[in-house]
Amino acid sequence: MKGIIKLALTALVTYAAWNAANAWLTYFKFKDAVTEASQYGAEMSMDQLHERVMAIASQYGVPLGEEGFTIQRDVRRHTLIDGQYTQSISVLPWYARPFTFEWHVDTFVLPVAKD
């Protein structure tokens, strides 16, 4: 009986760890893709960059709303993107806990020399 309880507890801990790790991995992949879009999207308008971030969120299954982030850009090609989203993480098979992921992307694009 003791072995069954230990096995059940191990299964529950593994379940929670798997779901939490999956949510964090998605967060890091999403943030990395937004950073890349910001770095290599210097020629994009603010609206195009906004649409690109929304497309990335859709690609990674991130529940990001249209007003879920802000984009700021100055004349020196310095781009700041800040945002947050809330995602439910299944901690137990019968219980999901909402968790808010906040992200900040700060990129500065250097001009590329053309031949």
C-alpha atoms as a PDB file:
ATOM      1  CA  MET A   1       0.000   0.000   0.000  1.00  0.00           C
ATOM      2  CA  LYS A   2       2.852   2.328   0.875  1.00  0.00           C
ATOM      3  CA  GLY A   3       4.415   1.755  -2.546  1.00  0.00           C
ATOM      4  CA  ILE A   4       1.176   2.680  -4.333  1.00  0.00           C
ATOM      5  CA  ILE A   5       0.949   5.979  -2.435  1.00  0.00           C
ATOM      6  CA  LYS A   6       4.572   6.808  -3.253  1.00  0.00           C
ATOM      7  CA  LEU A   7       3.961   5.958  -6.908  1.00  0.00           C
ATOM      8  CA  ALA A   8       0.823   8.136  -7.003  1.00  0.00           C
ATOM      9  CA  LEU A   9       2.644  11.078  -5.396  1.00  0.00           C
ATOM     10  CA  THR A  10       5.553  10.681  -7.816  1.00  0.00           C
ATOM     11  CA  ALA A  11       3.097  10.672 -10.732  1.00  0.00           C
ATOM     12  CA  LEU A  12       1.401  13.872  -9.478  1.00  0.00           C
ATOM     13  CA  VAL A  13       4.712  15.672  -8.979  1.00  0.00           C
ATOM     14  CA  THR A  14       5.879  14.573 -12.433  1.00  0.00           C
ATOM     15  CA  TYR A  15       2.590  15.761 -13.956  1.00  0.00           C
ATOM     16  CA  ALA A  16       2.905  19.210 -12.369  1.00  0.00           C
ATOM     17  CA  ALA A  17       6.591  19.541 -13.267  1.00  0.00           C
ATOM     18  CA  TRP A  18       5.955  18.543 -16.887  1.00  0.00           C
ATOM     19  CA  ASN A  19       3.153  21.091 -17.333  1.00  0.00           C
ATOM     20  CA  ALA A  20       5.069  23.890 -15.601  1.00  0.00           C
ATOM     21  CA  ALA A  21       8.212  23.197 -17.625  1.00  0.00           C
ATOM     22  CA  ASN A  22       6.211  23.135 -20.853  1.00  0.00           C
ATOM     23  CA  ALA A  23       4.657  26.544 -20.060  1.00  0.00           C
ATOM     24  CA  TRP A  24       8.058  28.046 -19.203  1.00  0.00           C
ATOM     25  CA  LEU A  25       9.656  26.603 -22.324  1.00  0.00           C
ATOM     26  CA  THR A  26       6.895  28.130 -24.446  1.00  0.00           C
ATOM     27  CA  TYR A  27       7.463  31.469 -22.682  1.00  0.00           C
ATOM     28  CA  PHE A  28      11.202  31.436 -23.411  1.00  0.00           C
ATOM     29  CA  LYS A  29      10.714  30.385 -27.039  1.00  0.00           C
ATOM     30  CA  PHE A  30       8.113  33.123 -27.510  1.00  0.00           C
ATOM     31  CA  LYS A  31      10.295  35.786 -25.910  1.00  0.00           C
ATOM     32  CA  ASP A  32      13.283  34.709 -28.024  1.00  0.00           C
ATOM     33  CA  ALA A  33      11.210  34.883 -31.226  1.00  0.00           C
ATOM     34  CA  VAL A  34       9.949  38.376 -30.316  1.00  0.00           C
ATOM     35  CA  THR A  35      13.540  39.479 -29.648  1.00  0.00           C
ATOM     36  CA  GLU A  36      14.594  38.154 -33.044  1.00  0.00           C
ATOM     37  CA  ALA A  37      11.672  39.885 -34.773  1.00  0.00           C
ATOM     38  CA  SER A  38      12.629  43.146 -33.055  1.00  0.00           C
ATOM     39  CA  GLN A  39      16.305  42.860 -34.000  1.00  0.00           C
ATOM     40  CA  TYR A  40      15.762  41.906 -37.602  1.00  0.00           C
ATOM     41  CA  GLY A  41      12.585  43.937 -38.137  1.00  0.00           C
ATOM     42  CA  ALA A  42      14.177  47.357 -38.092  1.00  0.00           C
ATOM     43  CA  GLU A  43      12.644  48.151 -41.465  1.00  0.00           C
ATOM     44  CA  MET A  44       9.141  47.227 -40.258  1.00  0.00           C
ATOM     45  CA  SER A  45       6.653  49.886 -39.279  1.00  0.00           C
ATOM     46  CA  MET A  46       5.223  49.838 -35.766  1.00  0.00           C
ATOM     47  CA  ASP A  47       1.997  48.274 -37.079  1.00  0.00           C
ATOM     48  CA  GLN A  48       3.917  45.595 -38.981  1.00  0.00           C
ATOM     49  CA  LEU A  49       5.967  44.770 -35.884  1.00  0.00           C
ATOM     50  CA  HIS A  50       2.763  44.626 -33.824  1.00  0.00           C
ATOM     51  CA  GLU A  51       1.244  42.185 -36.315  1.00  0.00           C
ATOM     52  CA  ARG A  52       4.462  40.140 -36.316  1.00  0.00           C
ATOM     53  CA  VAL A  53       4.370  39.795 -32.511  1.00  0.00           C
ATOM     54  CA  MET A  54       0.723  38.703 -32.705  1.00  0.00           C
ATOM     55  CA  ALA A  55       1.648  36.119 -35.361  1.00  0.00           C
ATOM     56  CA  ILE A  56       4.452  34.804 -33.147  1.00  0.00           C
ATOM     57  CA  ALA A  57       2.031  34.553 -30.204  1.00  0.00           C
ATOM     58  CA  SER A  58      -0.362  32.576 -32.375  1.00  0.00           C
ATOM     59  CA  GLN A  59       2.458  30.328 -33.597  1.00  0.00           C
ATOM     60  CA  TYR A  60       3.465  29.406 -30.028  1.00  0.00           C
ATOM     61  CA  GLY A  61      -0.078  29.223 -28.664  1.00  0.00           C
ATOM     62  CA  VAL A  62       0.456  32.183 -26.334  1.00  0.00           C
ATOM     63  CA  PRO A  63      -2.844  33.780 -25.206  1.00  0.00           C
ATOM     64  CA  LEU A  64      -1.816  37.352 -26.024  1.00  0.00           C
ATOM     65  CA  GLY A  65      -4.432  40.025 -26.650  1.00  0.00           C
ATOM     66  CA  GLU A  66      -4.098  42.979 -29.019  1.00  0.00           C
ATOM     67  CA  GLU A  67      -3.563  45.262 -26.018  1.00  0.00           C
ATOM     68  CA  GLY A  68      -1.338  42.773 -24.179  1.00  0.00           C
ATOM     69  CA  PHE A  69       1.911  44.527 -25.073  1.00  0.00           C
ATOM     70  CA  THR A  70       3.423  47.874 -26.017  1.00  0.00           C
ATOM     71  CA  ILE A  71       6.068  48.771 -28.560  1.00  0.00           C
ATOM     72  CA  GLN A  72       8.295  51.844 -28.339  1.00  0.00           C
ATOM     73  CA  ARG A  73      10.889  52.849 -30.870  1.00  0.00           C
ATOM     74  CA  ASP A  74      13.147  55.896 -31.083  1.00  0.00           C
ATOM     75  CA  VAL A  75      15.128  57.467 -33.905  1.00  0.00           C
ATOM     76  CA  ARG A  76      18.297  55.599 -32.912  1.00  0.00           C
ATOM     77  CA  ARG A  77      16.637  52.295 -33.851  1.00  0.00           C
ATOM     78  CA  HIS A  78      16.221  51.318 -30.217  1.00  0.00           C
ATOM     79  CA  THR A  79      13.130  49.142 -29.737  1.00  0.00           C
ATOM     80  CA  LEU A  80      11.399  48.281 -26.463  1.00  0.00           C
ATOM     81  CA  ILE A  81       8.593  45.742 -26.326  1.00  0.00           C
ATOM     82  CA  ASP A  82       6.882  45.047 -23.005  1.00  0.00           C
ATOM     83  CA  GLY A  83       3.980  42.747 -22.362  1.00  0.00           C
ATOM     84  CA  GLN A  84       2.332  40.098 -20.309  1.00  0.00           C
ATOM     85  CA  TYR A  85      -0.093  37.241 -20.677  1.00  0.00           C
ATOM     86  CA  THR A  86      -1.827  34.861 -18.313  1.00  0.00           C
ATOM     87  CA  GLN A  87      -1.878  31.141 -18.928  1.00  0.00           C
ATOM     88  CA  SER A  88      -3.410  28.369 -16.853  1.00  0.00           C
ATOM     89  CA  ILE A  89      -0.971  25.681 -15.813  1.00  0.00           C
ATOM     90  CA  SER A  90      -2.388  22.320 -14.784  1.00  0.00           C
ATOM     91  CA  VAL A  91      -0.721  21.621 -11.458  1.00  0.00           C
ATOM     92  CA  LEU A  92      -2.896  18.603 -10.776  1.00  0.00           C
ATOM     93  CA  PRO A  93      -5.203  16.775 -13.173  1.00  0.00           C
ATOM     94  CA  TRP A  94      -8.186  18.447 -11.515  1.00  0.00           C
ATOM     95  CA  TYR A  95      -6.625  21.843 -10.696  1.00  0.00           C
ATOM     96  CA  ALA A  96      -5.178  24.511 -12.983  1.00  0.00           C
ATOM     97  CA  ARG A  97      -3.509  27.626 -11.613  1.00  0.00           C
ATOM     98  CA  PRO A  98      -3.356  30.850 -13.662  1.00  0.00           C
ATOM     99  CA  PHE A  99       0.160  32.227 -13.981  1.00  0.00           C
ATOM    100  CA  THR A 100       1.137  35.608 -15.434  1.00  0.00           C
ATOM    101  CA  PHE A 101       4.203  35.719 -17.661  1.00  0.00           C
ATOM    102  CA  GLU A 102       5.759  39.173 -18.057  1.00  0.00           C
ATOM    103  CA  TRP A 103       8.336  39.898 -20.735  1.00  0.00           C
ATOM    104  CA  HIS A 104      10.586  42.743 -21.767  1.00  0.00           C
ATOM    105  CA  VAL A 105      12.537  42.945 -25.011  1.00  0.00           C
ATOM    106  CA  ASP A 106      15.171  45.657 -25.450  1.00  0.00           C
ATOM    107  CA  THR A 107      17.001  45.699 -28.770  1.00  0.00           C
ATOM    108  CA  PHE A 108      19.261  48.120 -30.563  1.00  0.00           C
ATOM    109  CA  VAL A 109      19.832  47.596 -34.260  1.00  0.00           C
ATOM    110  CA  LEU A 110      23.131  48.632 -35.762  1.00  0.00           C
ATOM    111  CA  PRO A 111      23.130  49.776 -39.383  1.00  0.00           C
ATOM    112  CA  VAL A 112      24.430  47.187 -41.824  1.00  0.00           C
ATOM    113  CA  ALA A 113      27.157  48.276 -44.251  1.00  0.00           C
ATOM    114  CA  LYS A 114      26.127  47.740 -47.856  1.00  0.00           C
ATOM    115  CA  ASP A 115      28.612  46.836 -50.557  1.00  0.00           C
END
